[in-house]
Amino acid sequence: MRTLNVNLPHHSYPILIGQNLLHQGAALLQPYLAGRQVALVSNTTIAPLYADALAQQFKQAGLEVLQITLPDGEQFKSREYFDGIHDQLIAARFERKATLVAVGGGVVGDIGGYAAATFLRGIAFIQVPTTLLAQVDSSVGGKTGINHPLGKNLIGAFHQPRAVLSDLATLNTLPKREFTAGMAEVLKYGFIRDGNFLNWLESHLDPLMERDPECLAEAIYQSCRNKAEVVVADERETGERALLNLGHTFGHAIEAGLGFGSWLHGEAVGAGIVLAAEVSSIANLLDAQARDRIEHLVARTGLPVRSPDLGFDRWMELMASDKKVDHGRIKFVLLEAADRAVQGKEVELSILEKCLGKASRVIDFK
């Protein structure tokens, strides 16, 4: 097991990374529980695979356990199911020293974390991510929330976990499409700030996509290291942390425009990263060689590099609801190099018109 520490000024916590950690999950997590009440939030796919067994471990340790099982899908990260978590916590008479443990992917972690942040004005929270995307991104950093029909993650709170337990063995049961979607967030760290990691990804991508255990462990560790460093420097996204949104302004518009759940989050972010590289190139921030390098690597994973044609007006309407809008102006994360991003950039409408409302560039790499 490898441990990374997220050392925030007022709250620090470990990220535990290793194989088969859930076999001893209750023992590993017990030091981070606030009391003897544990609510396990999961979904219908993950509960029989992992959450049920973890619940039994907690029960055997003499803890009071409540299991809350949600439907599986992005469309259920909504006010209705958020309220449903509260309903069950209240009915079970959970108290302020309870701990909510989210076992699942990004949807479960986001909605479970937001429920923990708001129940009784905040209870303890632990993340047990079981997807690649959640292990490298959404489980780390304390962002929690739900979607609104007008946009993704528009309602939420910062609520840091007490611990994150990433069992790499859970990725063995992950469908190929879900695994591929998670790669968008892995690539992101190389593109925004870490040239050495980007070089490593290019040379190790084939075994990584085959889920080689050593490559997986390294990719997840380096992704979490990058995320932790950015979060420690800017916990509440007033500056540098916005770089983590590379491709997300476009990606969130894709998700909302097509209907939540139609494209996976990582698929939309992958296409969004390609769009961001194209916009950066047309704006003369990024040279053509770097743009092609970025698109090539995204394409090699199997992520989409074509964005859907939402129509220019619809694109602008959806992006105007993005959290990064400032004084009515859409701000983008763009690229100055294949391994260096900049945040807070405005883009001329004429440039956006060249990239939106039609498919982005596609290079034949065969």
Protein backbone atom coordinates (compact mmCIF):
# COMPACT_ATOMS: atom_id res chain seq x y z
CA MET A 1 0.00 0.00 0.00
CA ARG A 2 1.20 3.50 -0.87
CA THR A 3 -0.02 6.50 1.10
CA LEU A 4 -0.30 10.10 -0.08
CA ASN A 5 -1.17 12.83 2.39
CA VAL A 6 -3.28 15.85 1.47
CA ASN A 7 -1.94 18.43 3.92
CA LEU A 8 -4.43 21.27 4.03
CA PRO A 9 -4.00 24.12 6.55
CA HIS A 10 -6.98 23.08 8.68
CA HIS A 11 -7.52 19.46 7.68
CA SER A 12 -5.20 16.74 6.43
CA TYR A 13 -6.09 13.26 5.27
CA PRO A 14 -4.47 10.20 3.68
CA ILE A 15 -5.10 8.63 0.28
CA LEU A 16 -4.50 4.89 0.64
CA ILE A 17 -3.66 3.20 -2.68
CA GLY A 18 -3.12 -0.53 -3.14
CA GLN A 19 -4.39 -3.93 -4.28
CA ASN A 20 -7.17 -5.74 -2.38
CA LEU A 21 -7.42 -3.11 0.35
CA LEU A 22 -11.16 -3.73 0.74
CA HIS A 23 -10.41 -7.18 2.14
CA GLN A 24 -9.43 -5.29 5.28
CA GLY A 25 -11.44 -2.15 4.53
CA ALA A 26 -13.14 -1.77 7.92
CA ALA A 27 -9.85 -2.15 9.79
CA LEU A 28 -8.12 0.40 7.55
CA LEU A 29 -10.96 2.92 7.83
CA GLN A 30 -11.89 2.56 11.50
CA PRO A 31 -9.27 5.09 12.69
CA TYR A 32 -11.01 7.74 10.55
CA LEU A 33 -14.58 7.17 11.76
CA ALA A 34 -16.14 9.89 13.89
CA GLY A 35 -18.23 7.49 15.99
CA ARG A 36 -20.08 4.18 15.92
CA GLN A 37 -22.70 5.02 13.28
CA VAL A 38 -21.69 4.35 9.65
CA ALA A 39 -23.82 5.06 6.58
CA LEU A 40 -22.59 3.30 3.43
CA VAL A 41 -23.85 5.03 0.28
CA SER A 42 -23.45 3.02 -2.91
CA ASN A 43 -25.42 2.08 -6.02
CA THR A 44 -27.13 -1.00 -7.39
CA THR A 45 -24.04 -2.05 -9.37
CA ILE A 46 -21.41 -1.53 -6.68
CA ALA A 47 -23.35 -2.66 -3.60
CA PRO A 48 -23.24 -6.42 -4.36
CA LEU A 49 -19.63 -6.19 -5.53
CA TYR A 50 -18.08 -4.23 -2.65
CA ALA A 51 -20.39 -2.26 -0.35
CA ASP A 52 -22.27 -5.26 1.06
CA ALA A 53 -19.04 -6.95 2.13
CA LEU A 54 -17.69 -3.74 3.64
CA ALA A 55 -20.94 -3.31 5.57
CA GLN A 56 -20.53 -6.81 7.02
CA GLN A 57 -16.99 -5.97 8.13
CA PHE A 58 -18.21 -2.87 9.94
CA LYS A 59 -21.04 -4.85 11.59
CA GLN A 60 -18.60 -7.50 12.74
CA ALA A 61 -16.59 -4.71 14.34
CA GLY A 62 -19.67 -3.82 16.40
CA LEU A 63 -20.68 -0.68 14.50
CA GLU A 64 -24.19 0.46 13.63
CA VAL A 65 -24.44 0.32 9.83
CA LEU A 66 -27.02 1.84 7.48
CA GLN A 67 -26.81 0.92 3.79
CA ILE A 68 -28.21 3.39 1.25
CA THR A 69 -28.31 2.12 -2.32
CA LEU A 70 -28.94 4.49 -5.22
CA PRO A 71 -29.73 3.70 -8.85
CA ASP A 72 -26.65 3.64 -11.10
CA GLY A 73 -26.21 6.60 -13.43
CA GLU A 74 -25.33 10.28 -13.79
CA GLN A 75 -29.01 11.17 -14.18
CA PHE A 76 -29.57 10.16 -10.55
CA LYS A 77 -27.14 12.76 -9.19
CA SER A 78 -30.16 14.92 -8.57
CA ARG A 79 -32.07 16.77 -5.85
CA GLU A 80 -34.54 13.88 -5.52
CA TYR A 81 -31.91 11.27 -4.64
CA PHE A 82 -29.91 13.73 -2.55
CA ASP A 83 -33.02 14.32 -0.43
CA GLY A 84 -33.55 10.56 -0.29
CA ILE A 85 -30.19 10.09 1.44
CA HIS A 86 -31.22 12.63 4.07
CA ASP A 87 -34.58 10.89 4.51
CA GLN A 88 -32.88 7.60 5.34
CA LEU A 89 -30.31 9.17 7.69
CA ILE A 90 -33.08 10.94 9.59
CA ALA A 91 -35.31 7.85 9.74
CA ALA A 92 -32.38 5.81 11.14
CA ARG A 93 -31.75 8.50 13.79
CA PHE A 94 -28.18 9.12 12.74
CA GLU A 95 -26.34 11.65 14.86
CA ARG A 96 -23.67 14.28 14.38
CA LYS A 97 -20.85 11.81 15.15
CA ALA A 98 -21.91 9.53 12.31
CA THR A 99 -19.67 8.90 9.29
CA LEU A 100 -20.90 8.65 5.71
CA VAL A 101 -18.77 6.32 3.54
CA ALA A 102 -19.27 6.67 -0.22
CA VAL A 103 -18.46 3.43 -2.07
CA GLY A 104 -18.58 3.83 -5.84
CA GLY A 105 -17.72 6.14 -8.69
CA GLY A 106 -17.88 9.88 -9.07
CA VAL A 107 -21.66 10.10 -8.89
CA VAL A 108 -21.83 8.25 -5.58
CA GLY A 109 -18.91 10.23 -4.15
CA ASP A 110 -20.33 13.59 -5.23
CA ILE A 111 -23.89 13.09 -4.02
CA GLY A 112 -22.81 11.19 -0.90
CA GLY A 113 -20.27 13.87 -0.03
CA TYR A 114 -22.83 16.63 -0.47
CA ALA A 115 -25.27 14.74 1.78
CA ALA A 116 -22.50 14.45 4.40
CA ALA A 117 -21.70 18.15 4.06
CA THR A 118 -25.30 19.18 4.72
CA PHE A 119 -26.75 16.57 7.11
CA LEU A 120 -26.82 18.11 10.59
CA ARG A 121 -24.66 20.89 9.09
CA GLY A 122 -21.88 18.43 8.30
CA ILE A 123 -20.82 14.94 9.35
CA ALA A 124 -17.63 12.97 8.73
CA PHE A 125 -17.07 11.64 5.23
CA ILE A 126 -14.87 8.92 3.73
CA GLN A 127 -14.36 8.15 0.05
CA VAL A 128 -13.96 4.59 -1.28
CA PRO A 129 -13.73 5.17 -5.05
CA THR A 130 -14.23 2.12 -7.28
CA THR A 131 -13.79 3.65 -10.75
CA LEU A 132 -10.65 4.98 -12.40
CA LEU A 133 -12.14 8.45 -12.76
CA ALA A 134 -13.08 8.60 -9.09
CA GLN A 135 -9.73 7.24 -7.90
CA VAL A 136 -7.68 9.80 -9.81
CA ASP A 137 -9.95 12.83 -9.55
CA SER A 138 -13.35 13.17 -7.93
CA SER A 139 -12.53 11.40 -4.63
CA VAL A 140 -9.69 13.83 -3.88
CA GLY A 141 -10.10 17.51 -3.08
CA GLY A 142 -13.43 17.84 -1.31
CA LYS A 143 -15.71 18.91 -4.16
CA THR A 144 -19.20 17.51 -3.64
CA GLY A 145 -22.48 18.26 -5.34
CA ILE A 146 -25.42 17.42 -7.54
CA ASN A 147 -26.52 18.38 -11.02
CA HIS A 148 -29.24 20.85 -12.00
CA PRO A 149 -31.22 20.53 -15.23
CA LEU A 150 -29.46 23.69 -16.45
CA GLY A 151 -25.93 22.48 -15.73
CA LYS A 152 -23.59 19.99 -14.11
CA ASN A 153 -22.46 20.32 -10.49
CA LEU A 154 -24.12 23.70 -10.05
CA ILE A 155 -25.25 22.86 -6.50
CA GLY A 156 -22.75 21.63 -3.92
CA ALA A 157 -20.19 22.35 -1.23
CA PHE A 158 -16.54 21.83 -0.39
CA HIS A 159 -16.38 19.02 2.17
CA GLN A 160 -13.04 17.27 2.56
CA PRO A 161 -13.01 13.54 3.35
CA ARG A 162 -11.29 12.11 6.41
CA ALA A 163 -9.64 9.47 4.24
CA VAL A 164 -9.68 8.05 0.71
CA LEU A 165 -9.24 4.31 0.17
CA SER A 166 -8.49 3.34 -3.43
CA ASP A 167 -8.46 -0.42 -3.98
CA LEU A 168 -6.95 -0.99 -7.41
CA ALA A 169 -8.56 -4.43 -7.57
CA THR A 170 -11.95 -2.78 -8.03
CA LEU A 171 -10.83 -1.65 -11.48
CA ASN A 172 -10.77 -5.30 -12.63
CA THR A 173 -14.57 -5.33 -12.68
CA LEU A 174 -14.87 -1.94 -14.39
CA PRO A 175 -16.43 -2.11 -17.90
CA LYS A 176 -14.07 -1.04 -20.68
CA ARG A 177 -16.10 2.06 -21.47
CA GLU A 178 -15.92 3.24 -17.84
CA PHE A 179 -12.20 2.57 -17.64
CA THR A 180 -11.56 4.46 -20.87
CA ALA A 181 -13.64 7.39 -19.64
CA GLY A 182 -11.45 7.61 -16.54
CA MET A 183 -8.37 8.02 -18.69
CA ALA A 184 -9.46 11.56 -19.61
CA GLU A 185 -8.74 12.68 -16.06
CA VAL A 186 -5.41 10.81 -15.98
CA LEU A 187 -4.22 12.47 -19.20
CA LYS A 188 -5.36 15.84 -17.85
CA TYR A 189 -2.61 15.94 -15.23
CA GLY A 190 0.07 15.52 -17.86
CA PHE A 191 -1.49 18.18 -20.07
CA ILE A 192 -1.95 20.84 -17.40
CA ARG A 193 1.30 20.65 -15.41
CA ASP A 194 3.43 17.50 -15.47
CA GLY A 195 5.61 16.93 -18.53
CA ASN A 196 7.41 13.96 -16.98
CA PHE A 197 4.09 12.23 -16.32
CA LEU A 198 2.94 13.05 -19.84
CA ASN A 199 6.06 11.42 -21.28
CA TRP A 200 5.50 8.38 -19.06
CA LEU A 201 1.89 8.09 -20.22
CA GLU A 202 2.90 8.18 -23.87
CA SER A 203 5.41 5.37 -23.38
CA HIS A 204 3.24 3.23 -21.08
CA LEU A 205 -0.23 3.81 -22.52
CA ASP A 206 -0.64 0.38 -24.12
CA PRO A 207 -0.02 -1.67 -20.93
CA LEU A 208 -1.95 0.92 -18.93
CA MET A 209 -5.02 0.43 -21.15
CA GLU A 210 -4.61 -3.33 -20.62
CA ARG A 211 -4.77 -2.58 -16.84
CA ASP A 212 -1.27 -3.78 -16.06
CA PRO A 213 -1.17 -3.64 -12.22
CA GLU A 214 2.18 -1.85 -11.94
CA CYS A 215 1.25 0.73 -14.58
CA LEU A 216 -2.13 1.28 -12.98
CA ALA A 217 -0.60 1.80 -9.55
CA GLU A 218 1.89 4.34 -10.91
CA ALA A 219 -0.70 6.24 -12.98
CA ILE A 220 -3.10 6.51 -10.06
CA TYR A 221 -0.39 7.53 -7.61
CA GLN A 222 0.99 10.24 -9.92
CA SER A 223 -2.52 11.51 -10.72
CA CYS A 224 -3.38 11.76 -7.03
CA ARG A 225 -0.04 13.44 -6.30
CA ASN A 226 -0.77 16.10 -8.90
CA LYS A 227 -4.33 16.59 -7.67
CA ALA A 228 -3.20 16.82 -4.05
CA GLU A 229 -0.52 19.41 -4.83
CA VAL A 230 -3.01 21.61 -6.67
CA VAL A 231 -5.67 21.27 -3.96
CA VAL A 232 -3.22 22.13 -1.17
CA ALA A 233 -2.17 25.26 -3.07
CA ASP A 234 -5.77 26.34 -3.77
CA GLU A 235 -8.39 24.42 -1.80
CA ARG A 236 -11.43 26.46 -2.85
CA GLU A 237 -10.54 27.14 -6.47
CA THR A 238 -9.71 30.82 -6.35
CA GLY A 239 -6.75 30.41 -8.71
CA GLU A 240 -4.54 27.47 -9.71
CA ARG A 241 -7.13 24.78 -8.95
CA ALA A 242 -9.16 25.98 -11.94
CA LEU A 243 -6.51 24.32 -14.13
CA LEU A 244 -8.07 20.98 -13.16
CA ASN A 245 -11.05 22.00 -15.29
CA LEU A 246 -9.20 21.58 -18.59
CA GLY A 247 -11.81 20.38 -21.10
CA HIS A 248 -14.59 20.61 -18.52
CA THR A 249 -16.36 23.76 -19.74
CA PHE A 250 -16.88 22.08 -23.10
CA GLY A 251 -17.39 18.67 -21.49
CA HIS A 252 -20.09 19.80 -19.08
CA ALA A 253 -21.93 21.45 -21.98
CA ILE A 254 -21.82 18.15 -23.87
CA GLU A 255 -23.22 16.24 -20.89
CA ALA A 256 -26.05 18.71 -20.29
CA GLY A 257 -26.77 19.24 -23.98
CA LEU A 258 -27.12 15.53 -24.74
CA GLY A 259 -28.84 14.72 -21.44
CA PHE A 260 -26.97 13.53 -18.35
CA GLY A 261 -25.93 9.91 -18.78
CA SER A 262 -25.86 9.92 -22.59
CA TRP A 263 -22.09 10.49 -22.62
CA LEU A 264 -19.98 9.51 -19.62
CA HIS A 265 -18.26 12.40 -17.88
CA GLY A 266 -14.80 11.27 -18.97
CA GLU A 267 -15.91 10.88 -22.59
CA ALA A 268 -17.20 14.45 -22.61
CA VAL A 269 -14.00 15.71 -20.96
CA GLY A 270 -11.84 13.86 -23.51
CA ALA A 271 -13.63 15.56 -26.39
CA GLY A 272 -13.50 18.81 -24.41
CA ILE A 273 -9.72 18.59 -24.05
CA VAL A 274 -9.39 18.19 -27.82
CA LEU A 275 -11.62 21.24 -28.30
CA ALA A 276 -9.55 23.21 -25.79
CA ALA A 277 -6.38 22.32 -27.71
CA GLU A 278 -7.99 23.39 -30.98
CA VAL A 279 -9.18 26.69 -29.52
CA SER A 280 -5.72 27.26 -28.03
CA SER A 281 -4.13 26.64 -31.41
CA ILE A 282 -6.43 29.02 -33.30
CA ALA A 283 -5.82 31.64 -30.57
CA ASN A 284 -2.06 31.27 -31.20
CA LEU A 285 -1.36 30.01 -27.70
CA LEU A 286 -0.45 26.47 -28.74
CA ASP A 287 1.61 25.34 -31.72
CA ALA A 288 0.24 22.81 -34.17
CA GLN A 289 2.70 20.09 -33.14
CA ALA A 290 1.60 20.26 -29.51
CA ARG A 291 -2.06 20.34 -30.54
CA ASP A 292 -1.61 17.20 -32.61
CA ARG A 293 0.32 15.50 -29.79
CA ILE A 294 -2.58 16.12 -27.41
CA GLU A 295 -5.21 14.90 -29.85
CA HIS A 296 -3.15 11.85 -30.73
CA LEU A 297 -2.84 10.76 -27.11
CA VAL A 298 -6.56 11.25 -26.44
CA ALA A 299 -7.37 9.24 -29.57
CA ARG A 300 -5.05 6.39 -28.53
CA THR A 301 -7.10 5.76 -25.41
CA GLY A 302 -10.28 5.32 -27.43
CA LEU A 303 -11.89 8.46 -26.00
CA PRO A 304 -14.00 10.48 -28.44
CA VAL A 305 -12.18 13.27 -30.23
CA ARG A 306 -15.29 14.51 -32.06
CA SER A 307 -17.69 16.72 -30.16
CA PRO A 308 -21.41 16.49 -30.90
CA ASP A 309 -22.94 19.27 -32.98
CA LEU A 310 -25.05 21.04 -30.36
CA GLY A 311 -25.39 24.16 -32.50
CA PHE A 312 -23.46 27.33 -31.69
CA ASP A 313 -26.29 29.04 -29.79
CA ARG A 314 -26.87 25.96 -27.62
CA TRP A 315 -23.15 25.63 -26.90
CA MET A 316 -23.04 29.24 -25.72
CA GLU A 317 -26.21 28.90 -23.65
CA LEU A 318 -24.86 25.84 -21.84
CA MET A 319 -21.38 27.26 -21.26
CA ALA A 320 -22.91 30.48 -19.89
CA SER A 321 -24.22 28.37 -16.98
CA ASP A 322 -20.74 27.05 -16.18
CA LYS A 323 -19.36 27.64 -12.68
CA LYS A 324 -16.31 29.41 -14.13
CA VAL A 325 -18.32 32.29 -15.65
CA ASP A 326 -16.99 35.56 -14.18
CA HIS A 327 -18.95 38.82 -14.47
CA GLY A 328 -21.00 37.31 -17.26
CA ARG A 329 -17.91 36.24 -19.25
CA ILE A 330 -17.04 32.63 -19.98
CA LYS A 331 -13.51 31.83 -18.81
CA PHE A 332 -11.67 28.85 -20.29
CA VAL A 333 -8.70 26.72 -19.33
CA LEU A 334 -6.46 26.71 -22.39
CA LEU A 335 -3.05 25.28 -23.26
CA GLU A 336 0.28 27.02 -23.88
CA ALA A 337 2.16 23.75 -24.36
CA ALA A 338 1.29 20.04 -24.38
CA ASP A 339 2.14 20.00 -20.66
CA ARG A 340 1.17 23.51 -19.52
CA ALA A 341 -2.27 25.01 -19.11
CA VAL A 342 -3.46 28.50 -18.20
CA GLN A 343 -6.79 29.43 -16.61
CA GLY A 344 -9.11 32.41 -16.79
CA LYS A 345 -8.82 32.94 -20.54
CA GLU A 346 -11.52 34.66 -22.56
CA VAL A 347 -11.94 33.52 -26.16
CA GLU A 348 -13.15 35.65 -29.06
CA LEU A 349 -16.51 34.60 -30.46
CA SER A 350 -14.99 34.28 -33.91
CA ILE A 351 -12.64 31.57 -32.59
CA LEU A 352 -15.43 29.70 -30.84
CA GLU A 353 -17.48 29.85 -34.04
CA LYS A 354 -14.69 28.05 -35.87
CA CYS A 355 -14.70 25.18 -33.37
CA LEU A 356 -18.31 24.79 -32.24
CA GLY A 357 -21.34 23.81 -34.22
CA LYS A 358 -19.21 21.39 -36.21
CA ALA A 359 -17.01 18.41 -35.46
CA SER A 360 -13.54 19.17 -34.20
CA ARG A 361 -10.48 18.18 -36.19
CA VAL A 362 -9.76 14.47 -36.40
CA ILE A 363 -6.40 13.04 -37.39
CA ASP A 364 -6.10 9.54 -38.84
CA PHE A 365 -3.52 7.79 -36.66
CA LYS A 366 -3.89 4.34 -38.18
